[in-house]
């Protein structure tokens, strides 16, 4: 569901345009990783793609701060920690048009159809080559983080807990 295959295919399309990019992925290497690894070998992208697995938080922060772009191609995600983190660290970020991600990023200029490799690759190219778009993205992230920070999530959780408690006591 993380959609690494389409991201790798998009990277291959970009590299065929003689645009040099490297992809670094972090997170748990699931049973599906062997398929991803074979796909990377088939596309001859082993020098351009690295899967680091779980990394310490300070290393992860360093990766964010040294990234040109964060891409979240997931097919399904209830919420995305990497999306929030990229926005928080003011790293340009784009994401799939799935679940809550478009609402989180709050701007259709920075979302893509995760099943459309051409759309993914085109947006990546635009984001790394258009300084104005990158600046708009970072500005959007700052606004979104401020907006999201206005919400008191404790009150929301407390209210849900009260409803559950009230309904549980009925039985």
C-alpha atoms as a PDB file:
ATOM      1  CA  UNK A   1       0.000   0.000   0.000  1.00  0.00           C
ATOM      2  CA  UNK A   2       3.001   2.344   0.255  1.00  0.00           C
ATOM      3  CA  UNK A   3       3.159   2.275  -3.563  1.00  0.00           C
ATOM      4  CA  UNK A   4       6.938   2.054  -3.852  1.00  0.00           C
ATOM      5  CA  UNK A   5       6.660   0.295  -7.226  1.00  0.00           C
ATOM      6  CA  UNK A   6       4.970   3.273  -8.907  1.00  0.00           C
ATOM      7  CA  UNK A   7       7.439   5.666  -7.297  1.00  0.00           C
ATOM      8  CA  UNK A   8      10.363   3.578  -8.572  1.00  0.00           C
ATOM      9  CA  UNK A   9       8.783   3.453 -12.039  1.00  0.00           C
ATOM     10  CA  UNK A  10       8.400   7.249 -11.943  1.00  0.00           C
ATOM     11  CA  UNK A  11      12.053   7.603 -10.929  1.00  0.00           C
ATOM     12  CA  UNK A  12      13.051   5.385 -13.865  1.00  0.00           C
ATOM     13  CA  UNK A  13      11.096   7.657 -16.256  1.00  0.00           C
ATOM     14  CA  UNK A  14      12.829  10.713 -14.794  1.00  0.00           C
ATOM     15  CA  UNK A  15      16.271   9.137 -15.096  1.00  0.00           C
ATOM     16  CA  UNK A  16      15.583   8.344 -18.766  1.00  0.00           C
ATOM     17  CA  UNK A  17      15.251  12.106 -19.239  1.00  0.00           C
ATOM     18  CA  UNK A  18      18.828  12.326 -17.915  1.00  0.00           C
ATOM     19  CA  UNK A  19      17.720  13.990 -14.700  1.00  0.00           C
ATOM     20  CA  UNK A  20      19.790  12.647 -11.838  1.00  0.00           C
ATOM     21  CA  UNK A  21      17.875  11.831  -8.674  1.00  0.00           C
ATOM     22  CA  UNK A  22      18.420   9.577  -5.724  1.00  0.00           C
ATOM     23  CA  UNK A  23      15.645   8.029  -3.699  1.00  0.00           C
ATOM     24  CA  UNK A  24      16.050   7.245  -0.017  1.00  0.00           C
ATOM     25  CA  UNK A  25      13.303   5.308   1.750  1.00  0.00           C
ATOM     26  CA  UNK A  26      13.021   4.711   5.470  1.00  0.00           C
ATOM     27  CA  UNK A  27      10.701   2.600   7.556  1.00  0.00           C
ATOM     28  CA  UNK A  28      10.065  -1.038   8.229  1.00  0.00           C
ATOM     29  CA  UNK A  29      11.132  -3.478   5.515  1.00  0.00           C
ATOM     30  CA  UNK A  30       8.098  -5.737   5.209  1.00  0.00           C
ATOM     31  CA  UNK A  31       7.807  -9.104   3.455  1.00  0.00           C
ATOM     32  CA  UNK A  32       7.022  -7.160   0.263  1.00  0.00           C
ATOM     33  CA  UNK A  33      10.514  -5.620   0.324  1.00  0.00           C
ATOM     34  CA  UNK A  34      12.031  -8.519  -1.641  1.00  0.00           C
ATOM     35  CA  UNK A  35       9.697  -7.696  -4.564  1.00  0.00           C
ATOM     36  CA  UNK A  36      10.702  -4.035  -4.359  1.00  0.00           C
ATOM     37  CA  UNK A  37      14.372  -5.016  -4.265  1.00  0.00           C
ATOM     38  CA  UNK A  38      13.957  -7.185  -7.387  1.00  0.00           C
ATOM     39  CA  UNK A  39      12.134  -4.352  -9.127  1.00  0.00           C
ATOM     40  CA  UNK A  40      15.013  -1.979  -8.348  1.00  0.00           C
ATOM     41  CA  UNK A  41      17.493  -4.498  -9.777  1.00  0.00           C
ATOM     42  CA  UNK A  42      15.368  -5.040 -12.896  1.00  0.00           C
ATOM     43  CA  UNK A  43      15.317  -1.285 -13.545  1.00  0.00           C
ATOM     44  CA  UNK A  44      19.062  -1.069 -12.795  1.00  0.00           C
ATOM     45  CA  UNK A  45      18.482   1.564 -10.148  1.00  0.00           C
ATOM     46  CA  UNK A  46      20.496   0.029  -7.306  1.00  0.00           C
ATOM     47  CA  UNK A  47      22.907   2.990  -7.336  1.00  0.00           C
ATOM     48  CA  UNK A  48      20.031   5.485  -7.136  1.00  0.00           C
ATOM     49  CA  UNK A  49      17.693   3.924  -4.572  1.00  0.00           C
ATOM     50  CA  UNK A  50      18.456   3.056  -0.963  1.00  0.00           C
ATOM     51  CA  UNK A  51      16.141   1.504   1.610  1.00  0.00           C
ATOM     52  CA  UNK A  52      17.582   2.312   5.019  1.00  0.00           C
ATOM     53  CA  UNK A  53      14.960   0.589   7.175  1.00  0.00           C
ATOM     54  CA  UNK A  54      14.214   2.103  10.573  1.00  0.00           C
ATOM     55  CA  UNK A  55      16.604   4.949  11.380  1.00  0.00           C
ATOM     56  CA  UNK A  56      17.148   6.845  14.642  1.00  0.00           C
ATOM     57  CA  UNK A  57      15.111  10.047  14.962  1.00  0.00           C
ATOM     58  CA  UNK A  58      18.129  12.352  14.739  1.00  0.00           C
ATOM     59  CA  UNK A  59      19.200  10.658  11.487  1.00  0.00           C
ATOM     60  CA  UNK A  60      15.661  10.911  10.145  1.00  0.00           C
ATOM     61  CA  UNK A  61      15.572  14.646  10.878  1.00  0.00           C
ATOM     62  CA  UNK A  62      18.897  15.017   9.059  1.00  0.00           C
ATOM     63  CA  UNK A  63      17.519  13.124   6.069  1.00  0.00           C
ATOM     64  CA  UNK A  64      14.509  15.440   5.914  1.00  0.00           C
ATOM     65  CA  UNK A  65      16.574  18.588   6.203  1.00  0.00           C
ATOM     66  CA  UNK A  66      18.917  17.446   3.438  1.00  0.00           C
ATOM     67  CA  UNK A  67      16.189  16.307   1.039  1.00  0.00           C
ATOM     68  CA  UNK A  68      15.289  18.161  -2.100  1.00  0.00           C
ATOM     69  CA  UNK A  69      11.772  16.721  -2.018  1.00  0.00           C
ATOM     70  CA  UNK A  70       9.674  14.286   0.001  1.00  0.00           C
ATOM     71  CA  UNK A  71       7.252  12.143  -2.002  1.00  0.00           C
ATOM     72  CA  UNK A  72       4.422  10.227  -0.311  1.00  0.00           C
ATOM     73  CA  UNK A  73       2.908   7.927  -2.973  1.00  0.00           C
ATOM     74  CA  UNK A  74       0.802   5.765  -0.670  1.00  0.00           C
ATOM     75  CA  UNK A  75      -2.377   4.107  -1.905  1.00  0.00           C
ATOM     76  CA  UNK A  76      -3.869   4.125   1.573  1.00  0.00           C
ATOM     77  CA  UNK A  77      -2.828   5.960   4.690  1.00  0.00           C
ATOM     78  CA  UNK A  78      -5.068   7.020   7.559  1.00  0.00           C
ATOM     79  CA  UNK A  79      -2.640   9.859   8.208  1.00  0.00           C
ATOM     80  CA  UNK A  80       0.969  10.379   7.258  1.00  0.00           C
ATOM     81  CA  UNK A  81       3.710  11.072   9.759  1.00  0.00           C
ATOM     82  CA  UNK A  82       6.215  11.760   6.956  1.00  0.00           C
ATOM     83  CA  UNK A  83       3.845  14.339   5.438  1.00  0.00           C
ATOM     84  CA  UNK A  84       3.605  16.214   8.744  1.00  0.00           C
ATOM     85  CA  UNK A  85       7.342  15.891   9.339  1.00  0.00           C
ATOM     86  CA  UNK A  86       8.288  17.216   5.891  1.00  0.00           C
ATOM     87  CA  UNK A  87       5.897  20.136   6.348  1.00  0.00           C
ATOM     88  CA  UNK A  88       7.256  20.778   9.845  1.00  0.00           C
ATOM     89  CA  UNK A  89      10.882  20.800   8.654  1.00  0.00           C
ATOM     90  CA  UNK A  90       9.994  23.019   5.657  1.00  0.00           C
ATOM     91  CA  UNK A  91      10.980  20.444   3.054  1.00  0.00           C
ATOM     92  CA  UNK A  92       9.021  20.544  -0.203  1.00  0.00           C
ATOM     93  CA  UNK A  93       6.546  17.669  -0.135  1.00  0.00           C
ATOM     94  CA  UNK A  94       4.047  16.128  -2.517  1.00  0.00           C
ATOM     95  CA  UNK A  95       1.578  13.370  -1.782  1.00  0.00           C
ATOM     96  CA  UNK A  96      -1.011  11.028  -3.209  1.00  0.00           C
ATOM     97  CA  UNK A  97      -4.666  12.025  -3.565  1.00  0.00           C
ATOM     98  CA  UNK A  98      -5.725   9.417  -1.022  1.00  0.00           C
ATOM     99  CA  UNK A  99      -7.604   9.452   2.275  1.00  0.00           C
ATOM    100  CA  UNK A 100      -6.756  12.466   4.456  1.00  0.00           C
ATOM    101  CA  UNK A 101      -3.546  13.447   2.666  1.00  0.00           C
ATOM    102  CA  UNK A 102      -5.039  16.072   0.294  1.00  0.00           C
ATOM    103  CA  UNK A 103      -6.824  17.715   3.213  1.00  0.00           C
ATOM    104  CA  UNK A 104      -3.620  17.709   5.249  1.00  0.00           C
ATOM    105  CA  UNK A 105      -1.495  19.315   2.545  1.00  0.00           C
ATOM    106  CA  UNK A 106      -4.383  21.606   1.629  1.00  0.00           C
ATOM    107  CA  UNK A 107      -3.349  22.483  -1.944  1.00  0.00           C
ATOM    108  CA  UNK A 108      -4.195  20.508  -5.092  1.00  0.00           C
ATOM    109  CA  UNK A 109      -0.972  21.697  -6.730  1.00  0.00           C
ATOM    110  CA  UNK A 110       0.938  19.306  -4.502  1.00  0.00           C
ATOM    111  CA  UNK A 111      -1.081  16.100  -4.871  1.00  0.00           C
ATOM    112  CA  UNK A 112      -1.089  13.409  -7.545  1.00  0.00           C
ATOM    113  CA  UNK A 113      -2.947  10.272  -8.570  1.00  0.00           C
ATOM    114  CA  UNK A 114      -0.822   7.507  -7.007  1.00  0.00           C
ATOM    115  CA  UNK A 115      -1.692   5.091  -9.818  1.00  0.00           C
ATOM    116  CA  UNK A 116      -0.556   7.488 -12.571  1.00  0.00           C
ATOM    117  CA  UNK A 117       3.216   7.144 -12.986  1.00  0.00           C
ATOM    118  CA  UNK A 118       3.347   9.988 -15.515  1.00  0.00           C
ATOM    119  CA  UNK A 119       1.574  12.328 -13.109  1.00  0.00           C
ATOM    120  CA  UNK A 120       3.956  11.349 -10.307  1.00  0.00           C
ATOM    121  CA  UNK A 121       7.082  11.828 -12.433  1.00  0.00           C
ATOM    122  CA  UNK A 122       5.852  15.140 -13.892  1.00  0.00           C
ATOM    123  CA  UNK A 123       5.113  16.598 -10.472  1.00  0.00           C
ATOM    124  CA  UNK A 124       8.506  15.456  -9.160  1.00  0.00           C
ATOM    125  CA  UNK A 125      10.235  17.127 -12.118  1.00  0.00           C
ATOM    126  CA  UNK A 126       8.236  20.337 -11.582  1.00  0.00           C
ATOM    127  CA  UNK A 127       9.015  20.379  -7.884  1.00  0.00           C
ATOM    128  CA  UNK A 128      12.775  19.936  -8.310  1.00  0.00           C
ATOM    129  CA  UNK A 129      13.121  22.325 -11.244  1.00  0.00           C
ATOM    130  CA  UNK A 130      10.725  25.189 -10.433  1.00  0.00           C
ATOM    131  CA  UNK A 131      12.025  27.335  -7.570  1.00  0.00           C
ATOM    132  CA  UNK A 132       8.776  29.327  -7.366  1.00  0.00           C
ATOM    133  CA  UNK A 133       6.733  26.143  -6.996  1.00  0.00           C
ATOM    134  CA  UNK A 134       9.116  24.896  -4.296  1.00  0.00           C
ATOM    135  CA  UNK A 135       8.744  28.191  -2.417  1.00  0.00           C
ATOM    136  CA  UNK A 136       4.945  28.020  -2.761  1.00  0.00           C
ATOM    137  CA  UNK A 137       5.069  24.495  -1.373  1.00  0.00           C
ATOM    138  CA  UNK A 138       7.116  25.516   1.653  1.00  0.00           C
ATOM    139  CA  UNK A 139       4.859  28.525   2.257  1.00  0.00           C
ATOM    140  CA  UNK A 140       1.807  26.274   1.990  1.00  0.00           C
ATOM    141  CA  UNK A 141       3.343  23.891   4.528  1.00  0.00           C
ATOM    142  CA  UNK A 142       3.959  26.700   7.001  1.00  0.00           C
ATOM    143  CA  UNK A 143       0.344  27.894   6.671  1.00  0.00           C
ATOM    144  CA  UNK A 144      -1.012  24.356   6.998  1.00  0.00           C
ATOM    145  CA  UNK A 145       1.082  23.587  10.081  1.00  0.00           C
ATOM    146  CA  UNK A 146      -0.152  26.809  11.712  1.00  0.00           C
ATOM    147  CA  UNK A 147      -3.757  25.959  10.807  1.00  0.00           C
ATOM    148  CA  UNK A 148      -3.441  22.374  12.017  1.00  0.00           C
ATOM    149  CA  UNK A 149      -1.809  23.619  15.218  1.00  0.00           C
ATOM    150  CA  UNK A 150      -4.874  25.720  16.046  1.00  0.00           C
ATOM    151  CA  UNK A 151      -6.996  22.632  16.678  1.00  0.00           C
ATOM    152  CA  UNK A 152      -7.074  21.353  20.250  1.00  0.00           C
ATOM    153  CA  UNK A 153      -6.856  17.610  19.650  1.00  0.00           C
ATOM    154  CA  UNK A 154      -7.005  16.852  23.364  1.00  0.00           C
ATOM    155  CA  UNK A 155     -10.556  18.234  23.475  1.00  0.00           C
ATOM    156  CA  UNK A 156     -11.532  16.104  20.466  1.00  0.00           C
ATOM    157  CA  UNK A 157     -10.174  12.937  22.094  1.00  0.00           C
ATOM    158  CA  UNK A 158     -11.818  13.829  25.412  1.00  0.00           C
ATOM    159  CA  UNK A 159     -15.191  14.355  23.707  1.00  0.00           C
ATOM    160  CA  UNK A 160     -14.939  11.020  21.873  1.00  0.00           C
ATOM    161  CA  UNK A 161     -13.993   9.314  25.143  1.00  0.00           C
ATOM    162  CA  UNK A 162     -17.049  10.839  26.879  1.00  0.00           C
ATOM    163  CA  UNK A 163     -19.363   9.550  24.120  1.00  0.00           C
ATOM    164  CA  UNK A 164     -17.831   6.063  24.320  1.00  0.00           C
ATOM    165  CA  UNK A 165     -18.071   6.057  28.118  1.00  0.00           C
ATOM    166  CA  UNK A 166     -21.690   7.245  28.029  1.00  0.00           C
ATOM    167  CA  UNK A 167     -22.620   4.574  25.462  1.00  0.00           C
ATOM    168  CA  UNK A 168     -20.742   1.851  27.347  1.00  0.00           C
ATOM    169  CA  UNK A 169     -22.580   2.667  30.576  1.00  0.00           C
ATOM    170  CA  UNK A 170     -25.907   2.057  28.798  1.00  0.00           C
ATOM    171  CA  UNK A 171     -25.179  -1.641  28.478  1.00  0.00           C
END
